[in-house]
Amino acid sequence: MGGKRKEGPRLPGVIYSNVAWQLDVPPPVVPKDRKQELSVAFIESLSGLIRDVKIKFSTEFSDTIQRGLRVRIQPRGATYFSRVQYQGREFRVRIGRIDAWSLAHARTVCASIVRHVSTGNGPPTDEWIELHRQALLAADARKKGHGDATVPYVPEVMARQPAATTWTYAEARVAYVEWLKSEEAVGNLAPATIRNYSKVLTCPALLPFDERHVARLEAADLAMAVEGLVKEGKRSQANDVSRNMKRFFRWLAEPAQERRSGVREGIMDRVRAPKLSGVKGRQHFPSLAEAGLILATSRASGVLNPAVAATVHLAVWTGQRRLSIVTAEVEHFEPWDGEPGWGLWRCYHRKVRRTNQTGKPHVIPLPPACWRVVMAYLTWHRLEYDGATPWAFPKQRPAKAGRPARVGHLVADTLTHTMTAIPGSSSSPHDMRRVISSSVQDVAGIHIALVGHVLDHADDEVGVRKTNGTTRRYTEAEMLAFKRPVMEAWERLLEPAAAAAVLLPREELKAELVRRRAKQRGVDGDAKRARSKAVNRKPQDGTNKQRAGAAGAPG
């Protein structure tokens, strides 16, 4: 009964069973016309065919209504896809399974795919197609009365991209910093410049770029990051991010890096740095009396740390930038030969390239009233440090004696915080440049070109630097003849102002400085004193265990 069926002639297209008791399975009825107007009934018949019959072949049907739309039948199911031509190649862009897409939605998305390709953007991504599906479903829901359905935003273009082999933002940043350090090694950049650039390129607003390839970062990406900083009230940081990122991408587009970065030239040039509104209005122009008050405070004995007081003294007298002052070395100060009572300070130009162009440091003559204080401080320095540090203004000595440790120089912010904490002062170290420039020009009548030599200005239109740069490089003169009249005029103005300054008594002045510095650091003095009293309170007799036992013992 149930043996093997005898072999006999078999008709093509008919599925036969191998045992006698099984019924022969009729062949699936598949439409022969592979090009027809697809309809909902046709799609439902395909679904039933796949559900009820095991199909062991593949075939396709083209839609005559929507160009490019096809439905493909396979053993694992039926799928809509769009067939398009792009750059001489044929692409099959998958839309989705027929049970997840309605025919109307498939036709709509197929038309969008054809438009996406025909406009030169190539095949779209799967995410773009899914966004279209969600948008169509939400639109249908709204038509049915579901008003709370949110229609997602679908961008016009979301092209597929091949796997990138160029630098990510994090990798490009590392390479850029290494290049900056190589420039520092040959003297083209200052260490502070490298620290500033690195800090800006690693700010939190740019961290989302770390895993993205720099070749795929656009001006709009940077503009959004800059706009986010502006909305947070960080307009100055947004300005720094814009300028440094444009500088960074110009480096990436150079021929030496363009193959590894894939960045096109000028890609970020359209990004505009936000204007720093109100900067000119916030500038402080100290009076001569305020400068004299700051100088007199720095001279007050025992009020400030000697190194800090010396930096304040030098900032008021010379108007140099903070970093030039705190990084000064002992050997940079020397008496001026042939000029009794005068001294010289050989500091470096703020711009490294200017030192490289001239080969000479920026030398400032120090008048007798200034040089006497500097000499007294250097004498204290030799007794205190005994040559242990080359820095003229070192940090505090290590607390543990006998422990080898390199003493660094003061931090530039220490100078700023100290100067702004002085009672009666609203000035920063940079404000001293303004009071020197305005006072010696308006009161003493010194020409602006001579003031520029002392303040180390780059934009010297009428001086020697710009009008005759070649002659400037060949001369051995340190421009002291131009700088001395400026410092003499400043001495005549500053010393009477310092002598006329009225200070608090020494102990009150010292206490007020401590209070203001604590306020700058956000320290609550009353809370700190309360904690100190709690810590120093006299303990009760006996240990905690003994007191607990005594409390629990019967009376």
Protein backbone atom coordinates (compact mmCIF):
# COMPACT_ATOMS: atom_id res chain seq x y z
CA MET A 1 0.00 0.00 0.00
CA GLY A 2 2.48 2.60 1.13
CA GLY A 3 5.50 1.59 -0.93
CA LYS A 4 7.45 3.64 -3.33
CA ARG A 5 5.57 5.00 -6.32
CA LYS A 6 6.61 3.56 -9.64
CA GLU A 7 8.59 5.89 -11.79
CA GLY A 8 6.76 7.15 -14.84
CA PRO A 9 6.74 10.10 -17.13
CA ARG A 10 6.47 13.43 -15.29
CA LEU A 11 5.06 16.58 -16.67
CA PRO A 12 7.14 19.74 -16.49
CA GLY A 13 5.99 22.31 -13.92
CA VAL A 14 4.15 19.74 -11.74
CA ILE A 15 5.40 18.95 -8.20
CA TYR A 16 5.22 15.19 -7.51
CA SER A 17 5.34 13.41 -4.16
CA ASN A 18 7.70 10.50 -3.56
CA VAL A 19 5.32 8.12 -1.78
CA ALA A 20 2.08 6.56 -3.04
CA TRP A 21 -0.14 7.70 -0.19
CA GLN A 22 0.74 11.42 -0.62
CA LEU A 23 -1.33 13.55 -2.94
CA ASP A 24 0.44 15.34 -5.75
CA VAL A 25 0.73 19.10 -5.10
CA PRO A 26 -0.69 21.19 -7.91
CA PRO A 27 1.68 23.77 -9.33
CA PRO A 28 1.25 27.36 -8.09
CA VAL A 29 -0.67 29.56 -10.46
CA VAL A 30 1.68 32.45 -11.19
CA PRO A 31 0.64 35.15 -13.66
CA LYS A 32 2.60 34.89 -16.87
CA ASP A 33 2.63 38.60 -17.67
CA ARG A 34 5.65 40.05 -15.87
CA LYS A 35 4.74 43.64 -16.77
CA GLN A 36 1.30 44.81 -15.68
CA GLU A 37 -0.60 47.37 -13.66
CA LEU A 38 -0.13 46.29 -10.08
CA SER A 39 -3.29 46.34 -8.02
CA VAL A 40 -4.31 45.68 -4.44
CA ALA A 41 -6.07 42.44 -5.51
CA PHE A 42 -2.94 41.29 -7.34
CA ILE A 43 -0.75 41.97 -4.28
CA GLU A 44 -3.22 40.10 -2.03
CA SER A 45 -3.17 37.12 -4.40
CA LEU A 46 0.63 37.07 -4.22
CA SER A 47 0.44 37.13 -0.42
CA GLY A 48 -1.96 34.17 -0.43
CA LEU A 49 0.21 32.31 -2.90
CA ILE A 50 3.30 32.70 -0.72
CA ARG A 51 1.32 31.80 2.42
CA ASP A 52 -0.35 28.65 1.04
CA VAL A 53 2.24 27.25 -1.37
CA LYS A 54 5.95 26.58 -0.88
CA ILE A 55 7.50 28.55 -3.72
CA LYS A 56 10.93 27.37 -4.80
CA PHE A 57 11.62 29.95 -7.48
CA SER A 58 12.04 33.73 -7.85
CA THR A 59 10.35 36.11 -10.24
CA GLU A 60 9.56 39.81 -10.63
CA PHE A 61 6.65 41.95 -11.73
CA SER A 62 7.00 45.50 -13.03
CA ASP A 63 4.40 48.16 -12.44
CA THR A 64 3.15 49.99 -15.51
CA ILE A 65 1.79 52.88 -13.42
CA GLN A 66 4.95 53.89 -11.51
CA ARG A 67 8.17 53.70 -13.46
CA GLY A 68 10.83 51.68 -11.67
CA LEU A 69 8.55 49.98 -9.12
CA ARG A 70 8.84 46.20 -9.00
CA VAL A 71 7.66 43.45 -6.69
CA ARG A 72 9.95 40.47 -6.34
CA ILE A 73 8.67 37.01 -5.28
CA GLN A 74 11.15 34.74 -3.53
CA PRO A 75 10.82 31.64 -1.34
CA ARG A 76 11.20 33.84 1.75
CA GLY A 77 8.57 36.38 0.71
CA ALA A 78 7.68 39.23 -1.61
CA THR A 79 9.35 42.63 -1.56
CA TYR A 80 8.86 46.00 -3.21
CA PHE A 81 11.95 47.61 -4.71
CA SER A 82 12.86 50.34 -7.12
CA ARG A 83 15.09 49.74 -10.11
CA VAL A 84 17.11 52.82 -11.13
CA GLN A 85 20.15 53.75 -13.22
CA TYR A 86 22.92 55.90 -11.75
CA GLN A 87 26.26 56.72 -13.36
CA GLY A 88 25.93 53.89 -15.86
CA ARG A 89 25.13 51.26 -13.23
CA GLU A 90 21.86 49.59 -12.28
CA PHE A 91 20.77 49.73 -8.63
CA ARG A 92 18.01 47.83 -6.87
CA VAL A 93 16.81 50.01 -4.01
CA ARG A 94 14.82 47.94 -1.53
CA ILE A 95 11.59 49.53 -0.31
CA GLY A 96 10.17 46.83 1.98
CA ARG A 97 8.00 43.72 2.31
CA ILE A 98 4.52 43.79 0.81
CA ASP A 99 2.95 43.06 4.21
CA ALA A 100 4.56 46.24 5.66
CA TRP A 101 3.92 48.57 2.73
CA SER A 102 0.69 49.38 0.98
CA LEU A 103 0.79 49.62 -2.80
CA ALA A 104 -0.01 53.35 -2.71
CA HIS A 105 2.83 54.05 -0.28
CA ALA A 106 5.24 51.94 -2.33
CA ARG A 107 4.40 53.92 -5.47
CA THR A 108 4.85 57.25 -3.65
CA VAL A 109 8.25 56.28 -2.23
CA CYS A 110 9.37 54.80 -5.55
CA ALA A 111 8.66 58.15 -7.21
CA SER A 112 10.75 59.87 -4.51
CA ILE A 113 13.60 57.40 -5.08
CA VAL A 114 13.56 58.02 -8.83
CA ARG A 115 13.62 61.79 -8.20
CA HIS A 116 16.47 61.37 -5.66
CA VAL A 117 18.57 59.51 -8.22
CA SER A 118 17.67 61.63 -11.26
CA THR A 119 18.80 64.81 -9.48
CA GLY A 120 22.33 63.40 -9.17
CA ASN A 121 22.24 62.37 -5.52
CA GLY A 122 22.45 58.64 -6.12
CA PRO A 123 20.49 55.91 -4.32
CA PRO A 124 19.11 56.98 -0.92
CA THR A 125 19.77 55.30 2.39
CA ASP A 126 17.48 52.80 4.12
CA GLU A 127 16.90 55.35 6.90
CA TRP A 128 15.53 57.84 4.34
CA ILE A 129 13.08 55.25 2.99
CA GLU A 130 11.93 54.36 6.52
CA LEU A 131 11.37 58.06 7.29
CA HIS A 132 9.15 58.25 4.23
CA ARG A 133 7.13 55.26 5.44
CA GLN A 134 6.66 56.79 8.91
CA ALA A 135 5.61 60.11 7.35
CA LEU A 136 3.04 58.42 5.09
CA LEU A 137 1.60 56.39 7.98
CA ALA A 138 1.33 59.54 10.13
CA ALA A 139 -0.40 61.41 7.31
CA ASP A 140 -2.93 58.56 6.94
CA ALA A 141 -3.54 58.59 10.70
CA ARG A 142 -4.32 62.31 10.60
CA LYS A 143 -6.80 61.77 7.78
CA LYS A 144 -8.57 59.19 9.94
CA GLY A 145 -8.96 61.67 12.77
CA HIS A 146 -5.86 60.95 14.85
CA GLY A 147 -4.71 64.54 15.13
CA ASP A 148 -1.91 63.79 17.61
CA ALA A 149 0.08 61.81 15.01
CA THR A 150 3.43 63.55 14.49
CA VAL A 151 4.73 63.59 10.91
CA PRO A 152 8.52 63.15 10.97
CA TYR A 153 10.76 65.43 8.97
CA VAL A 154 12.11 63.82 5.78
CA PRO A 155 15.16 65.54 4.27
CA GLU A 156 15.22 66.02 0.52
CA VAL A 157 18.54 64.21 0.16
CA MET A 158 20.08 61.39 2.19
CA ALA A 159 22.44 59.63 -0.17
CA ARG A 160 24.31 56.43 0.47
CA GLN A 161 27.99 56.89 1.16
CA PRO A 162 30.78 54.37 0.79
CA ALA A 163 32.77 53.38 3.87
CA ALA A 164 35.18 56.21 4.60
CA THR A 165 38.89 55.48 4.87
CA THR A 166 39.94 59.00 5.84
CA TRP A 167 40.60 60.51 9.28
CA THR A 168 37.91 60.88 11.86
CA TYR A 169 37.74 64.20 13.66
CA ALA A 170 39.54 62.73 16.68
CA GLU A 171 42.32 61.27 14.50
CA ALA A 172 42.69 64.50 12.52
CA ARG A 173 42.88 66.53 15.73
CA VAL A 174 45.71 64.34 17.06
CA ALA A 175 47.62 64.73 13.78
CA TYR A 176 47.08 68.49 13.86
CA VAL A 177 48.38 68.85 17.40
CA GLU A 178 51.45 66.77 16.51
CA TRP A 179 52.11 69.13 13.62
CA LEU A 180 51.71 72.13 15.93
CA LYS A 181 54.26 70.62 18.31
CA SER A 182 56.71 70.13 15.44
CA GLU A 183 56.31 73.81 14.61
CA GLU A 184 56.97 74.67 18.24
CA ALA A 185 60.19 72.62 18.15
CA VAL A 186 61.61 74.83 15.40
CA GLY A 187 60.45 78.02 17.11
CA ASN A 188 57.50 78.96 14.89
CA LEU A 189 54.84 78.64 17.60
CA ALA A 190 54.71 79.31 21.33
CA PRO A 191 53.63 76.59 23.80
CA ALA A 192 50.73 78.77 24.93
CA THR A 193 49.44 78.88 21.35
CA ILE A 194 49.38 75.08 21.13
CA ARG A 195 47.59 74.80 24.48
CA ASN A 196 44.97 77.30 23.34
CA TYR A 197 44.33 75.58 20.00
CA SER A 198 44.10 72.14 21.62
CA LYS A 199 41.71 73.39 24.30
CA VAL A 200 39.36 74.94 21.75
CA LEU A 201 39.30 71.88 19.46
CA THR A 202 38.40 69.60 22.39
CA CYS A 203 35.61 71.73 23.84
CA PRO A 204 32.34 69.89 24.68
CA ALA A 205 30.51 71.47 21.73
CA LEU A 206 32.83 69.64 19.30
CA LEU A 207 32.98 66.25 21.03
CA PRO A 208 30.04 64.84 18.95
CA PHE A 209 32.34 65.15 15.92
CA ASP A 210 34.95 62.74 17.33
CA GLU A 211 33.64 59.59 15.59
CA ARG A 212 32.65 61.36 12.37
CA HIS A 213 34.97 61.56 9.38
CA VAL A 214 36.25 65.06 8.70
CA ALA A 215 35.54 64.57 4.98
CA ARG A 216 31.83 64.35 5.83
CA LEU A 217 31.68 67.36 8.13
CA GLU A 218 30.01 70.31 6.46
CA ALA A 219 29.83 74.02 7.18
CA ALA A 220 26.30 73.50 8.49
CA ASP A 221 27.59 71.09 11.18
CA LEU A 222 30.05 73.67 12.50
CA ALA A 223 27.45 76.44 12.23
CA MET A 224 25.04 74.45 14.40
CA ALA A 225 27.74 73.91 17.05
CA VAL A 226 28.57 77.63 17.04
CA GLU A 227 24.88 78.55 17.26
CA GLY A 228 24.45 76.23 20.25
CA LEU A 229 27.26 78.01 22.11
CA VAL A 230 25.74 81.40 21.34
CA LYS A 231 22.36 80.28 22.72
CA GLU A 232 24.12 79.15 25.91
CA GLY A 233 25.55 82.64 26.31
CA LYS A 234 29.09 81.53 25.37
CA ARG A 235 29.57 83.99 22.53
CA SER A 236 33.30 84.43 23.10
CA GLN A 237 33.87 80.66 23.06
CA ALA A 238 31.74 80.38 19.92
CA ASN A 239 33.96 82.96 18.27
CA ASP A 240 37.08 80.96 19.23
CA VAL A 241 35.56 77.70 17.97
CA SER A 242 34.67 79.25 14.62
CA ARG A 243 38.11 80.77 14.04
CA ASN A 244 40.09 77.71 15.18
CA MET A 245 37.98 75.22 13.25
CA LYS A 246 38.42 77.19 10.03
CA ARG A 247 42.17 77.30 10.65
CA PHE A 248 42.12 73.55 11.38
CA PHE A 249 40.23 72.69 8.17
CA ARG A 250 42.51 74.86 6.06
CA TRP A 251 45.38 72.73 7.34
CA LEU A 252 43.47 69.52 6.56
CA ALA A 253 42.91 70.69 2.97
CA GLU A 254 46.61 71.27 2.31
CA PRO A 255 48.20 68.87 -0.22
CA ALA A 256 50.21 67.11 2.49
CA GLN A 257 47.03 66.07 4.32
CA GLU A 258 44.25 66.08 1.72
CA ARG A 259 44.47 62.36 0.86
CA ARG A 260 44.35 61.30 4.51
CA SER A 261 41.68 63.84 5.43
CA GLY A 262 39.57 63.97 2.28
CA VAL A 263 38.72 67.60 3.09
CA ARG A 264 38.02 70.02 0.25
CA GLU A 265 39.56 73.47 0.25
CA GLY A 266 37.36 76.22 1.67
CA ILE A 267 34.72 73.86 3.07
CA MET A 268 34.35 75.87 6.32
CA ASP A 269 34.95 79.35 4.95
CA ARG A 270 31.21 80.15 4.83
CA VAL A 271 30.90 79.85 8.63
CA ARG A 272 30.79 83.29 10.22
CA ALA A 273 32.20 83.87 13.67
CA PRO A 274 29.64 85.57 15.94
CA LYS A 275 30.34 89.20 16.72
CA LEU A 276 31.49 89.97 20.23
CA SER A 277 28.91 92.64 20.94
CA GLY A 278 29.78 95.23 23.53
CA VAL A 279 33.49 94.38 23.74
CA LYS A 280 34.56 97.97 23.16
CA GLY A 281 32.07 99.17 25.75
CA ARG A 282 33.43 96.75 28.34
CA GLN A 283 37.01 97.96 27.95
CA HIS A 284 38.31 99.69 31.07
CA PHE A 285 40.59 102.71 30.78
CA PRO A 286 42.13 103.18 34.24
CA SER A 287 42.93 106.62 35.51
CA LEU A 288 46.45 107.61 36.45
CA ALA A 289 45.35 107.65 40.10
CA GLU A 290 44.17 104.03 39.88
CA ALA A 291 47.50 102.95 38.38
CA GLY A 292 49.31 104.74 41.23
CA LEU A 293 47.08 102.97 43.79
CA ILE A 294 47.92 99.54 42.33
CA LEU A 295 51.65 100.35 42.32
CA ALA A 296 51.56 101.59 45.91
CA THR A 297 49.77 98.39 47.01
CA SER A 298 52.44 96.24 45.38
CA ARG A 299 55.10 98.14 47.35
CA ALA A 300 53.32 97.77 50.71
CA SER A 301 55.50 95.53 52.87
CA GLY A 302 54.02 92.17 53.89
CA VAL A 303 50.71 92.62 52.06
CA LEU A 304 51.38 90.43 49.02
CA ASN A 305 53.62 87.48 48.35
CA PRO A 306 56.97 88.93 47.14
CA ALA A 307 56.81 87.18 43.75
CA VAL A 308 53.21 88.24 43.17
CA ALA A 309 53.95 91.83 44.28
CA ALA A 310 56.89 91.97 41.84
CA THR A 311 54.72 90.86 38.91
CA VAL A 312 52.13 93.53 39.75
CA HIS A 313 54.92 96.10 39.99
CA LEU A 314 56.29 95.10 36.58
CA ALA A 315 52.83 95.06 34.96
CA VAL A 316 52.11 98.63 36.07
CA TRP A 317 55.51 99.93 35.01
CA THR A 318 55.89 98.22 31.63
CA GLY A 319 52.36 97.29 30.47
CA GLN A 320 53.60 93.98 29.09
CA ARG A 321 51.33 90.99 28.59
CA ARG A 322 50.73 88.57 31.45
CA LEU A 323 52.59 85.62 29.97
CA SER A 324 55.64 87.72 29.17
CA ILE A 325 55.79 88.81 32.82
CA VAL A 326 55.25 85.51 34.63
CA THR A 327 57.66 83.61 32.35
CA ALA A 328 60.51 86.08 32.88
CA GLU A 329 63.79 84.55 34.04
CA VAL A 330 66.35 85.97 36.44
CA GLU A 331 68.99 86.32 33.74
CA HIS A 332 66.66 88.50 31.67
CA PHE A 333 67.26 91.45 34.03
CA GLU A 334 70.53 93.35 33.96
CA PRO A 335 71.84 96.88 34.64
CA TRP A 336 72.01 99.25 31.68
CA ASP A 337 75.67 99.90 31.00
CA GLY A 338 76.43 103.60 30.71
CA GLU A 339 73.11 104.63 32.24
CA PRO A 340 73.46 104.76 36.04
CA GLY A 341 70.34 103.74 37.93
CA TRP A 342 68.64 102.24 34.85
CA GLY A 343 68.04 98.57 34.16
CA LEU A 344 67.07 96.43 31.17
CA TRP A 345 64.51 93.66 30.91
CA ARG A 346 65.06 91.37 27.93
CA CYS A 347 61.63 89.76 27.51
CA TYR A 348 60.45 87.90 24.46
CA HIS A 349 58.04 89.09 21.82
CA ARG A 350 54.53 87.74 22.25
CA LYS A 351 54.51 86.75 18.58
CA VAL A 352 57.17 84.11 18.01
CA ARG A 353 57.51 84.96 14.32
CA ARG A 354 58.58 88.52 15.18
CA THR A 355 61.47 87.18 17.24
CA ASN A 356 62.42 84.91 14.34
CA GLN A 357 62.29 87.83 11.89
CA THR A 358 64.51 90.18 13.88
CA GLY A 359 66.52 87.63 15.84
CA LYS A 360 66.35 89.97 18.83
CA PRO A 361 64.37 89.97 22.08
CA HIS A 362 62.05 92.76 23.11
CA VAL A 363 64.15 94.94 25.46
CA ILE A 364 62.50 97.39 27.84
CA PRO A 365 64.47 100.09 29.72
CA LEU A 366 63.45 100.29 33.39
CA PRO A 367 63.68 103.76 34.99
CA PRO A 368 65.50 104.15 38.34
CA ALA A 369 62.28 104.18 40.40
CA CYS A 370 61.29 100.84 38.86
CA TRP A 371 64.77 99.31 38.75
CA ARG A 372 65.41 99.85 42.48
CA VAL A 373 62.40 97.69 43.37
CA VAL A 374 63.37 95.02 40.83
CA MET A 375 66.92 94.86 42.21
CA ALA A 376 65.63 94.51 45.77
CA TYR A 377 63.35 91.68 44.71
CA LEU A 378 66.12 89.85 42.82
CA THR A 379 68.29 90.05 45.95
CA TRP A 380 65.49 88.42 47.96
CA HIS A 381 65.10 85.82 45.20
CA ARG A 382 68.77 84.78 45.40
CA LEU A 383 68.55 84.40 49.19
CA GLU A 384 65.26 82.50 49.05
CA TYR A 385 65.91 80.10 46.17
CA ASP A 386 69.71 80.05 45.90
CA GLY A 387 69.61 79.39 42.16
CA ALA A 388 67.16 76.46 42.45
CA THR A 389 64.91 77.88 39.74
CA PRO A 390 65.57 80.00 36.67
CA TRP A 391 62.15 81.67 36.91
CA ALA A 392 62.17 85.21 38.21
CA PHE A 393 58.65 84.80 39.65
CA PRO A 394 58.33 81.20 40.87
CA LYS A 395 55.44 79.53 42.60
CA GLN A 396 55.53 78.79 46.31
CA ARG A 397 58.41 76.60 47.41
CA PRO A 398 57.63 72.87 47.95
CA ALA A 399 56.19 72.27 51.41
CA LYS A 400 58.37 69.22 52.15
CA ALA A 401 62.03 70.06 52.49
CA GLY A 402 64.53 67.71 50.91
CA ARG A 403 62.07 66.47 48.35
CA PRO A 404 63.29 67.19 44.82
CA ALA A 405 60.75 69.12 42.81
CA ARG A 406 61.04 71.55 39.95
CA VAL A 407 59.60 74.95 40.84
CA GLY A 408 57.50 76.39 38.01
CA HIS A 409 56.61 80.00 37.32
CA LEU A 410 53.50 81.80 38.52
CA VAL A 411 50.29 81.23 36.62
CA ALA A 412 49.16 84.22 34.56
CA ASP A 413 45.72 84.16 36.20
CA THR A 414 47.34 84.81 39.58
CA LEU A 415 48.47 88.21 38.34
CA THR A 416 44.98 89.03 37.05
CA HIS A 417 43.16 87.90 40.19
CA THR A 418 45.54 89.78 42.47
CA MET A 419 45.30 93.03 40.56
CA THR A 420 41.50 92.97 40.43
CA ALA A 421 41.32 92.11 44.16
CA ILE A 422 43.17 95.26 45.22
CA PRO A 423 40.73 97.64 46.98
CA GLY A 424 39.99 100.56 44.69
CA SER A 425 41.13 98.72 41.55
CA SER A 426 38.93 97.64 38.65
CA SER A 427 41.85 96.96 36.32
CA SER A 428 43.34 93.86 34.77
CA PRO A 429 46.98 93.63 33.70
CA HIS A 430 45.97 94.36 30.11
CA ASP A 431 44.30 97.58 31.23
CA MET A 432 47.74 98.88 32.19
CA ARG A 433 48.61 99.02 28.51
CA ARG A 434 45.75 101.45 27.99
CA VAL A 435 46.66 103.77 30.84
CA ILE A 436 50.33 103.89 29.75
CA SER A 437 49.46 104.55 26.11
CA SER A 438 46.82 107.19 26.80
CA SER A 439 48.75 108.97 29.57
CA VAL A 440 52.12 109.35 27.84
CA GLN A 441 50.42 110.49 24.62
CA ASP A 442 47.79 112.86 25.99
CA VAL A 443 49.68 114.27 28.99
CA ALA A 444 53.36 113.94 28.07
CA GLY A 445 52.95 114.37 24.30
CA ILE A 446 54.88 111.25 23.28
CA HIS A 447 54.30 110.09 19.71
CA ILE A 448 52.22 106.93 19.27
CA ALA A 449 54.98 105.22 17.27
CA LEU A 450 57.35 105.39 20.24
CA VAL A 451 54.68 104.00 22.58
CA GLY A 452 54.22 101.07 20.17
CA HIS A 453 57.87 100.09 20.55
CA VAL A 454 57.45 99.72 24.33
CA LEU A 455 54.10 97.91 24.15
CA ASP A 456 55.41 95.53 21.44
CA HIS A 457 52.65 96.33 18.98
CA ALA A 458 52.67 94.59 15.60
CA ASP A 459 50.70 97.26 13.73
CA ASP A 460 53.44 99.90 13.73
CA GLU A 461 52.44 101.89 10.62
CA VAL A 462 54.77 104.83 11.17
CA GLY A 463 57.62 103.16 13.00
CA VAL A 464 60.69 101.32 11.83
CA ARG A 465 59.25 97.79 11.93
CA LYS A 466 56.81 98.04 9.04
CA THR A 467 58.12 100.88 6.91
CA ASN A 468 61.66 99.55 6.72
CA GLY A 469 61.66 95.96 7.95
CA THR A 470 64.86 94.99 6.09
CA THR A 471 66.85 97.76 7.76
CA ARG A 472 65.34 96.75 11.10
CA ARG A 473 66.63 93.19 10.69
CA TYR A 474 70.14 94.38 9.84
CA THR A 475 70.54 96.79 12.73
CA GLU A 476 71.91 95.64 16.08
CA ALA A 477 70.15 98.44 17.94
CA GLU A 478 67.50 97.45 20.46
CA MET A 479 65.51 100.61 19.81
CA LEU A 480 66.36 101.88 23.30
CA ALA A 481 66.65 105.45 22.06
CA PHE A 482 62.98 105.31 21.06
CA LYS A 483 61.82 103.52 24.20
CA ARG A 484 63.64 105.61 26.82
CA PRO A 485 61.57 108.82 26.31
CA VAL A 486 58.39 106.81 26.83
CA MET A 487 59.60 105.31 30.11
CA GLU A 488 60.94 108.66 31.35
CA ALA A 489 57.56 110.27 30.71
CA TRP A 490 55.75 107.40 32.43
CA GLU A 491 58.04 107.74 35.46
CA ARG A 492 57.23 111.44 35.75
CA LEU A 493 53.51 110.65 35.75
CA LEU A 494 53.38 107.40 37.74
CA GLU A 495 55.58 108.16 40.73
CA PRO A 496 53.54 111.20 41.94
CA ALA A 497 50.34 109.18 41.50
CA ALA A 498 51.75 106.35 43.62
CA ALA A 499 52.92 108.77 46.29
CA ALA A 500 49.46 110.35 46.46
CA ALA A 501 47.64 107.00 46.82
CA VAL A 502 45.89 106.45 50.17
CA LEU A 503 45.93 102.83 51.37
CA LEU A 504 44.20 101.07 54.22
CA PRO A 505 46.30 100.18 57.25
CA ARG A 506 48.54 97.21 56.51
CA GLU A 507 46.58 94.57 58.45
CA GLU A 508 43.22 95.81 57.18
CA LEU A 509 44.55 95.92 53.61
CA LYS A 510 45.88 92.38 53.90
CA ALA A 511 42.59 91.11 55.36
CA GLU A 512 40.60 92.83 52.62
CA LEU A 513 42.78 91.26 49.93
CA VAL A 514 42.26 87.82 51.47
CA ARG A 515 38.50 88.37 51.59
CA ARG A 516 38.32 89.51 47.98
CA ARG A 517 40.43 86.59 46.75
CA ALA A 518 38.18 84.18 48.64
CA LYS A 519 35.15 85.79 47.02
CA GLN A 520 36.75 85.34 43.60
CA ARG A 521 37.19 81.63 44.34
CA GLY A 522 33.60 81.34 45.57
CA VAL A 523 34.58 80.60 49.19
CA ASP A 524 32.01 81.45 51.88
CA GLY A 525 34.02 82.91 54.76
CA ASP A 526 31.31 82.50 57.41
CA ALA A 527 30.71 78.85 56.50
CA LYS A 528 34.44 78.19 56.50
CA ARG A 529 34.82 79.69 59.99
CA ALA A 530 31.88 77.63 61.27
CA ARG A 531 33.48 74.44 59.96
CA SER A 532 36.78 75.37 61.59
CA LYS A 533 35.06 75.91 64.96
CA ALA A 534 33.33 72.56 64.68
CA VAL A 535 36.60 70.79 63.92
CA ASN A 536 38.52 72.55 66.68
CA ARG A 537 35.83 72.14 69.36
CA LYS A 538 37.24 70.51 72.51
CA PRO A 539 36.21 66.82 72.68
CA GLN A 540 34.43 65.38 75.75
CA ASP A 541 36.24 63.20 78.23
CA GLY A 542 36.65 59.52 77.29
CA THR A 543 36.12 57.72 74.02
CA ASN A 544 32.84 57.42 72.17
CA LYS A 545 32.48 53.83 73.39
CA GLN A 546 33.04 54.87 77.02
CA ARG A 547 30.50 57.72 76.73
CA ALA A 548 27.94 55.39 75.17
CA GLY A 549 28.45 52.89 78.02
CA ALA A 550 28.09 55.57 80.64
CA ALA A 551 24.89 56.81 79.07
CA GLY A 552 23.38 53.33 79.07
CA ALA A 553 24.42 52.37 82.66
CA PRO A 554 21.68 52.38 85.34
CA GLY A 555 21.67 55.30 87.70
